[in-house]
C-alpha atoms as a PDB file:
ATOM      1  CA  UNK A   1      79.249  66.990 112.604  1.00  0.00           C
ATOM      2  CA  UNK A   2      81.674  65.488 115.000  1.00  0.00           C
ATOM      3  CA  UNK A   3      81.748  66.349 118.608  1.00  0.00           C
ATOM      4  CA  UNK A   4      84.744  68.149 120.372  1.00  0.00           C
ATOM      5  CA  UNK A   5      85.720  64.814 121.951  1.00  0.00           C
ATOM      6  CA  UNK A   6      85.640  63.033 118.558  1.00  0.00           C
ATOM      7  CA  UNK A   7      87.830  65.649 117.070  1.00  0.00           C
ATOM      8  CA  UNK A   8      90.330  65.443 120.004  1.00  0.00           C
ATOM      9  CA  UNK A   9      90.406  61.584 119.481  1.00  0.00           C
ATOM     10  CA  UNK A  10      90.846  62.099 115.694  1.00  0.00           C
ATOM     11  CA  UNK A  11      93.671  64.509 116.090  1.00  0.00           C
ATOM     12  CA  UNK A  12      95.541  62.248 118.711  1.00  0.00           C
ATOM     13  CA  UNK A  13      95.035  59.112 116.697  1.00  0.00           C
ATOM     14  CA  UNK A  14      96.196  60.802 113.581  1.00  0.00           C
ATOM     15  CA  UNK A  15      99.420  61.976 115.120  1.00  0.00           C
ATOM     16  CA  UNK A  16     100.125  58.666 117.030  1.00  0.00           C
ATOM     17  CA  UNK A  17      99.557  56.415 113.877  1.00  0.00           C
ATOM     18  CA  UNK A  18     101.647  58.844 111.762  1.00  0.00           C
ATOM     19  CA  UNK A  19     104.585  58.780 114.148  1.00  0.00           C
ATOM     20  CA  UNK A  20     104.264  55.170 114.453  1.00  0.00           C
ATOM     21  CA  UNK A  21     104.710  54.920 110.727  1.00  0.00           C
ATOM     22  CA  UNK A  22     106.989  57.786 110.180  1.00  0.00           C
ATOM     23  CA  UNK A  23     109.639  57.176 112.782  1.00  0.00           C
ATOM     24  CA  UNK A  24     110.793  53.701 111.592  1.00  0.00           C
ATOM     25  CA  UNK A  25     110.017  54.328 107.975  1.00  0.00           C
ATOM     26  CA  UNK A  26     112.009  57.542 107.750  1.00  0.00           C
ATOM     27  CA  UNK A  27     114.941  56.080 109.708  1.00  0.00           C
ATOM     28  CA  UNK A  28     114.959  53.362 107.001  1.00  0.00           C
ATOM     29  CA  UNK A  29     114.512  55.652 103.905  1.00  0.00           C
ATOM     30  CA  UNK A  30     116.926  58.306 105.120  1.00  0.00           C
ATOM     31  CA  UNK A  31     119.337  56.087 106.658  1.00  0.00           C
ATOM     32  CA  UNK A  32     119.401  57.838 110.163  1.00  0.00           C
ATOM     33  CA  UNK A  33     119.089  56.473 113.601  1.00  0.00           C
ATOM     34  CA  UNK A  34     115.407  55.715 114.819  1.00  0.00           C
ATOM     35  CA  UNK A  35     116.022  58.139 117.767  1.00  0.00           C
ATOM     36  CA  UNK A  36     116.888  60.926 115.477  1.00  0.00           C
ATOM     37  CA  UNK A  37     114.050  60.452 113.345  1.00  0.00           C
ATOM     38  CA  UNK A  38     111.759  60.241 116.523  1.00  0.00           C
ATOM     39  CA  UNK A  39     113.019  63.679 117.463  1.00  0.00           C
ATOM     40  CA  UNK A  40     112.452  65.083 113.997  1.00  0.00           C
ATOM     41  CA  UNK A  41     109.010  63.426 113.942  1.00  0.00           C
ATOM     42  CA  UNK A  42     107.875  64.623 117.315  1.00  0.00           C
ATOM     43  CA  UNK A  43     109.397  68.164 116.901  1.00  0.00           C
ATOM     44  CA  UNK A  44     107.859  68.493 113.375  1.00  0.00           C
ATOM     45  CA  UNK A  45     104.445  67.491 114.494  1.00  0.00           C
ATOM     46  CA  UNK A  46     104.592  69.779 117.477  1.00  0.00           C
ATOM     47  CA  UNK A  47     105.886  72.833 115.512  1.00  0.00           C
ATOM     48  CA  UNK A  48     103.244  72.053 112.767  1.00  0.00           C
ATOM     49  CA  UNK A  49     100.401  71.917 115.331  1.00  0.00           C
ATOM     50  CA  UNK A  50     101.477  75.083 117.016  1.00  0.00           C
ATOM     51  CA  UNK A  51     102.148  76.917 113.503  1.00  0.00           C
ATOM     52  CA  UNK A  52      98.627  75.825 112.405  1.00  0.00           C
ATOM     53  CA  UNK A  53      97.034  77.575 115.299  1.00  0.00           C
ATOM     54  CA  UNK A  54      99.167  80.832 115.131  1.00  0.00           C
ATOM     55  CA  UNK A  55      99.074  80.926 111.319  1.00  0.00           C
ATOM     56  CA  UNK A  56      95.151  80.558 111.137  1.00  0.00           C
ATOM     57  CA  UNK A  57      94.750  83.193 113.687  1.00  0.00           C
ATOM     58  CA  UNK A  58      96.937  85.564 111.772  1.00  0.00           C
ATOM     59  CA  UNK A  59      95.493  84.674 108.428  1.00  0.00           C
ATOM     60  CA  UNK A  60      91.903  85.329 109.678  1.00  0.00           C
ATOM     61  CA  UNK A  61      92.771  88.627 111.205  1.00  0.00           C
ATOM     62  CA  UNK A  62      94.628  89.696 108.072  1.00  0.00           C
ATOM     63  CA  UNK A  63      91.588  88.692 105.892  1.00  0.00           C
ATOM     64  CA  UNK A  64      89.235  90.426 108.163  1.00  0.00           C
ATOM     65  CA  UNK A  65      91.473  93.641 108.033  1.00  0.00           C
ATOM     66  CA  UNK A  66      91.884  93.502 104.241  1.00  0.00           C
ATOM     67  CA  UNK A  67      88.580  92.084 103.094  1.00  0.00           C
ATOM     68  CA  UNK A  68      86.155  92.632 105.972  1.00  0.00           C
ATOM     69  CA  UNK A  69      85.348  88.953 106.056  1.00  0.00           C
ATOM     70  CA  UNK A  70      86.983  85.702 106.752  1.00  0.00           C
ATOM     71  CA  UNK A  71      85.092  83.855 104.016  1.00  0.00           C
ATOM     72  CA  UNK A  72      87.562  81.882 101.828  1.00  0.00           C
ATOM     73  CA  UNK A  73      87.385  81.646  98.085  1.00  0.00           C
ATOM     74  CA  UNK A  74      89.145  78.788  96.291  1.00  0.00           C
ATOM     75  CA  UNK A  75      92.002  80.981  95.316  1.00  0.00           C
ATOM     76  CA  UNK A  76      92.374  82.142  99.032  1.00  0.00           C
ATOM     77  CA  UNK A  77      92.245  78.622 100.186  1.00  0.00           C
ATOM     78  CA  UNK A  78      95.107  77.847  97.779  1.00  0.00           C
ATOM     79  CA  UNK A  79      97.096  80.711  98.935  1.00  0.00           C
ATOM     80  CA  UNK A  80      96.283  79.867 102.506  1.00  0.00           C
ATOM     81  CA  UNK A  81      97.793  76.347 102.008  1.00  0.00           C
ATOM     82  CA  UNK A  82     100.932  77.536 100.325  1.00  0.00           C
ATOM     83  CA  UNK A  83     101.594  80.197 102.725  1.00  0.00           C
ATOM     84  CA  UNK A  84     101.062  77.707 105.643  1.00  0.00           C
ATOM     85  CA  UNK A  85     103.480  75.198 104.103  1.00  0.00           C
ATOM     86  CA  UNK A  86     106.025  77.711 103.197  1.00  0.00           C
ATOM     87  CA  UNK A  87     106.205  78.999 106.779  1.00  0.00           C
ATOM     88  CA  UNK A  88     106.537  75.460 108.184  1.00  0.00           C
ATOM     89  CA  UNK A  89     109.314  74.783 105.725  1.00  0.00           C
ATOM     90  CA  UNK A  90     111.031  77.935 106.750  1.00  0.00           C
ATOM     91  CA  UNK A  91     110.870  76.692 110.364  1.00  0.00           C
ATOM     92  CA  UNK A  92     111.561  72.975 109.787  1.00  0.00           C
ATOM     93  CA  UNK A  93     114.540  73.082 107.260  1.00  0.00           C
ATOM     94  CA  UNK A  94     116.993  74.722 109.574  1.00  0.00           C
ATOM     95  CA  UNK A  95     115.984  72.533 112.543  1.00  0.00           C
ATOM     96  CA  UNK A  96     116.254  69.238 110.488  1.00  0.00           C
ATOM     97  CA  UNK A  97     119.701  70.316 108.931  1.00  0.00           C
ATOM     98  CA  UNK A  98     120.975  71.334 112.422  1.00  0.00           C
ATOM     99  CA  UNK A  99     119.801  68.260 114.277  1.00  0.00           C
ATOM    100  CA  UNK A 100     120.845  65.802 111.720  1.00  0.00           C
ATOM    101  CA  UNK A 101     124.019  67.526 110.773  1.00  0.00           C
ATOM    102  CA  UNK A 102     123.102  67.789 107.045  1.00  0.00           C
ATOM    103  CA  UNK A 103     122.978  70.600 104.614  1.00  0.00           C
ATOM    104  CA  UNK A 104     120.034  72.828 103.971  1.00  0.00           C
ATOM    105  CA  UNK A 105     119.465  71.263 100.478  1.00  0.00           C
ATOM    106  CA  UNK A 106     119.305  67.765 101.955  1.00  0.00           C
ATOM    107  CA  UNK A 107     117.049  68.952 104.664  1.00  0.00           C
ATOM    108  CA  UNK A 108     114.740  70.565 102.051  1.00  0.00           C
ATOM    109  CA  UNK A 109     114.591  67.330 100.195  1.00  0.00           C
ATOM    110  CA  UNK A 110     113.869  65.450 103.444  1.00  0.00           C
ATOM    111  CA  UNK A 111     111.083  67.814 104.327  1.00  0.00           C
ATOM    112  CA  UNK A 112     109.500  67.499 100.806  1.00  0.00           C
ATOM    113  CA  UNK A 113     109.470  63.744 101.301  1.00  0.00           C
ATOM    114  CA  UNK A 114     107.866  64.253 104.729  1.00  0.00           C
ATOM    115  CA  UNK A 115     105.181  66.515 103.344  1.00  0.00           C
ATOM    116  CA  UNK A 116     104.511  63.912 100.659  1.00  0.00           C
ATOM    117  CA  UNK A 117     104.194  61.284 103.206  1.00  0.00           C
ATOM    118  CA  UNK A 118     101.786  63.394 105.267  1.00  0.00           C
ATOM    119  CA  UNK A 119      99.619  64.253 102.258  1.00  0.00           C
ATOM    120  CA  UNK A 120      99.099  60.643 101.297  1.00  0.00           C
ATOM    121  CA  UNK A 121      98.781  59.476 104.896  1.00  0.00           C
ATOM    122  CA  UNK A 122      96.301  62.174 105.820  1.00  0.00           C
ATOM    123  CA  UNK A 123      94.140  61.204 102.831  1.00  0.00           C
ATOM    124  CA  UNK A 124      94.104  57.523 103.638  1.00  0.00           C
ATOM    125  CA  UNK A 125      93.958  57.994 107.426  1.00  0.00           C
ATOM    126  CA  UNK A 126      90.821  60.093 107.096  1.00  0.00           C
ATOM    127  CA  UNK A 127      89.022  57.656 104.705  1.00  0.00           C
ATOM    128  CA  UNK A 128      89.920  54.837 107.142  1.00  0.00           C
ATOM    129  CA  UNK A 129      88.783  56.872 110.236  1.00  0.00           C
ATOM    130  CA  UNK A 130      85.518  57.841 108.635  1.00  0.00           C
ATOM    131  CA  UNK A 131      84.872  53.908 107.869  1.00  0.00           C
ATOM    132  CA  UNK A 132      85.810  52.939 111.364  1.00  0.00           C
ATOM    133  CA  UNK A 133      84.264  55.957 113.192  1.00  0.00           C
ATOM    134  CA  UNK A 134      81.345  56.998 111.001  1.00  0.00           C
ATOM    135  CA  UNK A 135      79.622  60.197 111.608  1.00  0.00           C
ATOM    136  CA  UNK A 136      76.065  59.571 113.162  1.00  0.00           C
ATOM    137  CA  UNK A 137      73.328  61.441 111.473  1.00  0.00           C
ATOM    138  CA  UNK A 138      72.173  64.431 113.399  1.00  0.00           C
ATOM    139  CA  UNK A 139      68.298  64.788 113.954  1.00  0.00           C
ATOM    140  CA  UNK A 140      66.852  67.308 111.529  1.00  0.00           C
ATOM    141  CA  UNK A 141      65.841  70.673 113.154  1.00  0.00           C
ATOM    142  CA  UNK A 142      62.151  71.380 112.928  1.00  0.00           C
END
């Protein structure tokens, strides 16, 4: 298990590296000014982080009320993921459209590309992070 400090370092490094790649890359791909994509990147990361906290609290409370437990089956984990992303899309699409002065359809396509980037990035980042900062084995309890 990682310590609290290690988890904070992981989260901060994850976001810093992601934004360092996302901002110039998305400016190039979407033909937008770097400053605009910086605002979109930082705002999206902030909203996603806050939404993650709020959504997980609400989801666990709903599970406890409806099922009497917060244990998640695979089907519940899939539903959890889709509901989280759907909520994030509902929040980000209008923001992206408004800030960049583009239509909702264009903002949806941009958001889908952003989600794909973060899925691939998150997978690769975590592999690299685990190799650079391996988890040390905890002593076995006796």
